Amino acid sequence: MHFMPDTEDADSAAETFWPEGYKQVIREDARQLIGAQLNDGKRLRHIYQQQYSEKYTDLNQFAGKIADMIAIGTENGADDAFDDIITAFLTESPLPEVRRHARYFWPQAPPEGAKKRLQQVIVDEYSQDDVYTHAYKVGYGCNARDNANKGSYRTFDEFINQVVQLVVTGAMNGTDDMLEAIYWSFVTPRPLPPARRHPRRLKVW
């Protein structure tokens, strides 16, 4: 656990949460662009009329529900990627590999415009975070103490860019997992699957 700084005294005084600006981008930019891709529900009209018109008052409400669910899947996928990164720090392991799905369902999220904002907010927040700077310094950089991961990243920017790629890919995969569940409910047919956000990520180790 040497990749993590000792913040026990500070953490005992107050709970500390990880930066979550990326969630604001997903909830605002990505959610809006997803809604636009759904074209105000026009592409969902047939399935709405067949299976969901009794539960949702109109097509717009149904389309809004679908867009909200997709955004939640995107958030949760990003959260899961951050959890995998912290697990690597705790176990002094290499950062996870970027694992993209072979194919993605429509609509793919986050859309390109939101993806760039998402990448930037992660860089802005996590390049300033003491846990990430410490992990690079002692575990992954060229001047790290002797371990299997030493020199994995020549610069801190390279390290943070890898974190960004992991989180953005996690967000895409989370979107796709939610879409798979939604489409399965269309085909079965059955009610829409549950979509619940993860709780705020508390800094604990």
Protein backbone atom coordinates (compact mmCIF):
# COMPACT_ATOMS: atom_id res chain seq x y z
CA MET A 1 0.00 0.00 0.00
CA HIS A 2 3.03 2.25 -0.38
CA PHE A 3 1.56 3.96 -3.45
CA MET A 4 -1.01 5.68 -1.20
CA PRO A 5 -0.10 8.64 1.03
CA ASP A 6 -0.83 8.33 4.75
CA THR A 7 -3.81 10.64 5.30
CA GLU A 8 -5.37 8.78 8.24
CA ASP A 9 -5.23 11.75 10.65
CA ALA A 10 -6.72 14.16 8.15
CA ASP A 11 -9.39 11.70 7.06
CA SER A 12 -10.45 10.97 10.63
CA ALA A 13 -11.18 14.68 11.13
CA ALA A 14 -13.56 14.85 8.16
CA GLU A 15 -14.80 12.61 5.39
CA THR A 16 -13.07 13.35 2.10
CA PHE A 17 -14.64 12.61 -1.25
CA TRP A 18 -12.99 12.18 -4.63
CA PRO A 19 -13.45 15.02 -7.15
CA GLU A 20 -16.57 14.46 -9.23
CA GLY A 21 -16.57 17.18 -11.88
CA TYR A 22 -16.77 14.39 -14.46
CA LYS A 23 -20.26 13.55 -13.20
CA GLN A 24 -21.41 17.11 -13.84
CA VAL A 25 -20.21 16.83 -17.45
CA ILE A 26 -22.10 13.54 -17.86
CA ARG A 27 -25.28 14.87 -16.22
CA GLU A 28 -25.31 18.05 -18.26
CA ASP A 29 -23.41 17.85 -21.55
CA ALA A 30 -23.60 14.11 -22.18
CA ARG A 31 -27.24 13.82 -21.05
CA GLN A 32 -28.28 16.66 -23.36
CA LEU A 33 -26.43 15.19 -26.34
CA ILE A 34 -27.87 11.74 -25.66
CA GLY A 35 -31.35 13.27 -25.68
CA ALA A 36 -30.59 14.93 -29.00
CA GLN A 37 -29.44 11.60 -30.47
CA LEU A 38 -32.73 10.06 -29.40
CA ASN A 39 -34.35 12.82 -31.50
CA ASP A 40 -36.96 13.65 -28.85
CA GLY A 41 -37.99 10.02 -28.78
CA LYS A 42 -38.97 9.68 -32.43
CA ARG A 43 -36.73 6.64 -32.81
CA LEU A 44 -38.41 5.09 -29.78
CA ARG A 45 -42.00 5.74 -30.89
CA HIS A 46 -42.75 2.18 -31.99
CA ILE A 47 -41.44 0.48 -28.84
CA TYR A 48 -43.13 3.12 -26.67
CA GLN A 49 -46.51 2.53 -28.29
CA GLN A 50 -46.12 -1.24 -28.14
CA GLN A 51 -44.91 -1.70 -24.58
CA TYR A 52 -44.62 1.42 -22.43
CA SER A 53 -47.48 3.81 -23.21
CA GLU A 54 -49.43 2.76 -20.11
CA LYS A 55 -46.53 3.49 -17.73
CA TYR A 56 -45.26 6.75 -19.28
CA THR A 57 -47.69 9.55 -20.06
CA ASP A 58 -46.14 10.48 -23.41
CA LEU A 59 -43.23 9.74 -25.73
CA ASN A 60 -41.13 12.63 -24.40
CA GLN A 61 -41.34 11.32 -20.84
CA PHE A 62 -40.31 7.86 -22.02
CA ALA A 63 -37.40 9.24 -24.07
CA GLY A 64 -36.28 11.34 -21.10
CA LYS A 65 -36.30 8.25 -18.91
CA ILE A 66 -34.14 6.36 -21.41
CA ALA A 67 -31.68 9.28 -21.67
CA ASP A 68 -31.45 9.51 -17.86
CA MET A 69 -30.76 5.77 -17.61
CA ILE A 70 -28.02 5.97 -20.24
CA ALA A 71 -26.38 8.87 -18.38
CA ILE A 72 -26.50 6.88 -15.11
CA GLY A 73 -24.83 3.93 -16.85
CA THR A 74 -22.14 6.30 -18.13
CA GLU A 75 -21.51 7.68 -14.63
CA ASN A 76 -21.35 4.25 -13.06
CA GLY A 77 -18.92 3.01 -15.69
CA ALA A 78 -16.60 5.94 -14.94
CA ASP A 79 -16.89 5.24 -11.20
CA ASP A 80 -16.01 1.58 -11.76
CA ALA A 81 -12.92 2.57 -13.74
CA PHE A 82 -11.76 4.88 -10.93
CA ASP A 83 -12.27 2.03 -8.46
CA ASP A 84 -10.09 -0.25 -10.60
CA ILE A 85 -7.36 2.41 -10.67
CA ILE A 86 -7.40 2.77 -6.87
CA THR A 87 -7.27 -1.01 -6.51
CA ALA A 88 -4.11 -0.97 -8.65
CA PHE A 89 -2.60 1.66 -6.32
CA LEU A 90 -3.50 -0.35 -3.22
CA THR A 91 -2.08 -3.61 -4.57
CA GLU A 92 0.95 -1.93 -6.17
CA SER A 93 -0.10 -3.34 -9.52
CA PRO A 94 0.17 -1.92 -13.03
CA LEU A 95 -2.72 0.31 -14.06
CA PRO A 96 -5.47 -1.76 -15.71
CA GLU A 97 -5.44 -2.22 -19.46
CA VAL A 98 -7.85 -0.13 -21.51
CA ARG A 99 -10.52 -2.66 -22.44
CA ARG A 100 -12.96 -1.37 -25.03
CA HIS A 101 -15.94 -3.41 -26.10
CA ALA A 102 -15.61 -4.90 -29.57
CA ARG A 103 -18.82 -3.16 -30.68
CA TYR A 104 -21.02 -0.53 -29.10
CA PHE A 105 -24.78 -0.12 -29.17
CA TRP A 106 -26.45 3.06 -30.45
CA PRO A 107 -26.44 5.75 -29.13
CA GLN A 108 -22.79 5.71 -28.13
CA ALA A 109 -21.97 7.93 -25.17
CA PRO A 110 -20.42 10.12 -24.17
CA PRO A 111 -20.69 11.86 -27.57
CA GLU A 112 -17.49 13.41 -28.92
CA GLY A 113 -18.18 16.94 -27.65
CA ALA A 114 -18.91 15.73 -24.14
CA LYS A 115 -16.00 13.29 -24.28
CA LYS A 116 -13.49 16.13 -24.75
CA ARG A 117 -14.94 18.03 -21.79
CA LEU A 118 -14.92 14.84 -19.76
CA GLN A 119 -11.24 14.25 -20.55
CA GLN A 120 -10.32 17.81 -19.60
CA VAL A 121 -12.16 17.84 -16.27
CA ILE A 122 -10.48 14.57 -15.25
CA VAL A 123 -7.06 16.03 -16.08
CA ASP A 124 -7.86 19.26 -14.22
CA GLU A 125 -9.08 17.53 -11.06
CA TYR A 126 -6.93 14.43 -10.76
CA SER A 127 -3.61 15.96 -11.77
CA GLN A 128 -3.99 18.07 -8.61
CA ASP A 129 -5.04 15.20 -6.33
CA ASP A 130 -2.49 14.19 -3.69
CA VAL A 131 -3.20 10.46 -4.04
CA TYR A 132 -2.54 10.48 -7.79
CA THR A 133 0.58 12.63 -7.56
CA HIS A 134 1.90 10.40 -4.77
CA ALA A 135 1.09 7.19 -6.66
CA TYR A 136 3.05 8.44 -9.68
CA LYS A 137 5.97 9.63 -7.58
CA VAL A 138 6.49 6.43 -5.58
CA GLY A 139 4.99 3.80 -7.84
CA TYR A 140 4.88 4.52 -11.57
CA GLY A 141 7.35 7.28 -12.46
CA CYS A 142 10.96 7.03 -13.56
CA ASN A 143 12.16 8.10 -10.09
CA ALA A 144 9.84 5.76 -8.19
CA ARG A 145 11.25 3.46 -5.57
CA ASP A 146 12.34 0.07 -6.89
CA ASN A 147 9.30 -1.97 -7.84
CA ALA A 148 7.90 -3.74 -10.88
CA ASN A 149 6.01 -0.62 -12.01
CA LYS A 150 8.94 1.81 -11.84
CA GLY A 151 9.30 3.78 -15.06
CA SER A 152 5.93 2.67 -16.45
CA TYR A 153 5.25 6.33 -17.35
CA ARG A 154 8.00 8.75 -18.31
CA THR A 155 6.06 11.82 -17.18
CA PHE A 156 3.17 12.60 -14.88
CA ASP A 157 1.18 13.86 -17.88
CA GLU A 158 1.57 10.46 -19.53
CA PHE A 159 0.37 8.80 -16.32
CA ILE A 160 -2.70 11.06 -16.04
CA ASN A 161 -3.50 10.57 -19.73
CA GLN A 162 -3.63 6.83 -19.09
CA VAL A 163 -6.01 7.45 -16.19
CA VAL A 164 -8.17 9.57 -18.52
CA GLN A 165 -8.27 6.84 -21.16
CA LEU A 166 -9.27 4.27 -18.56
CA VAL A 167 -12.07 6.42 -17.15
CA VAL A 168 -13.47 7.53 -20.52
CA THR A 169 -13.42 3.93 -21.73
CA GLY A 170 -15.11 2.88 -18.49
CA ALA A 171 -17.79 5.51 -19.12
CA MET A 172 -18.34 4.19 -22.65
CA ASN A 173 -18.55 0.62 -21.38
CA GLY A 174 -20.97 1.65 -18.64
CA THR A 175 -23.18 3.27 -21.27
CA ASP A 176 -23.09 0.14 -23.35
CA ASP A 177 -23.92 -2.12 -20.42
CA MET A 178 -26.98 0.00 -19.64
CA LEU A 179 -28.05 0.01 -23.28
CA GLU A 180 -27.74 -3.75 -23.39
CA ALA A 181 -30.07 -4.02 -20.39
CA ILE A 182 -32.52 -1.53 -21.94
CA TYR A 183 -32.57 -3.30 -25.31
CA TRP A 184 -33.02 -6.65 -23.58
CA SER A 185 -36.12 -5.25 -21.86
CA PHE A 186 -37.43 -4.17 -25.29
CA VAL A 187 -36.93 -7.63 -26.78
CA THR A 188 -38.15 -9.74 -23.87
CA PRO A 189 -40.53 -7.72 -23.32
CA ARG A 190 -40.33 -6.56 -19.71
CA PRO A 191 -40.20 -3.34 -17.65
CA LEU A 192 -37.15 -1.12 -18.04
CA PRO A 193 -34.21 -2.29 -15.88
CA PRO A 194 -33.31 -0.47 -12.66
CA ALA A 195 -30.86 2.41 -13.03
CA ARG A 196 -29.29 3.66 -9.81
CA ARG A 197 -26.29 5.90 -9.36
CA HIS A 198 -23.41 4.71 -7.20
CA PRO A 199 -23.02 6.62 -3.92
CA ARG A 200 -20.36 9.34 -3.78
CA ARG A 201 -16.88 7.88 -3.79
CA LEU A 202 -15.36 8.33 -0.34
CA LYS A 203 -11.58 8.42 0.00
CA VAL A 204 -10.97 5.31 2.09
CA TRP A 205 -8.11 2.78 2.03
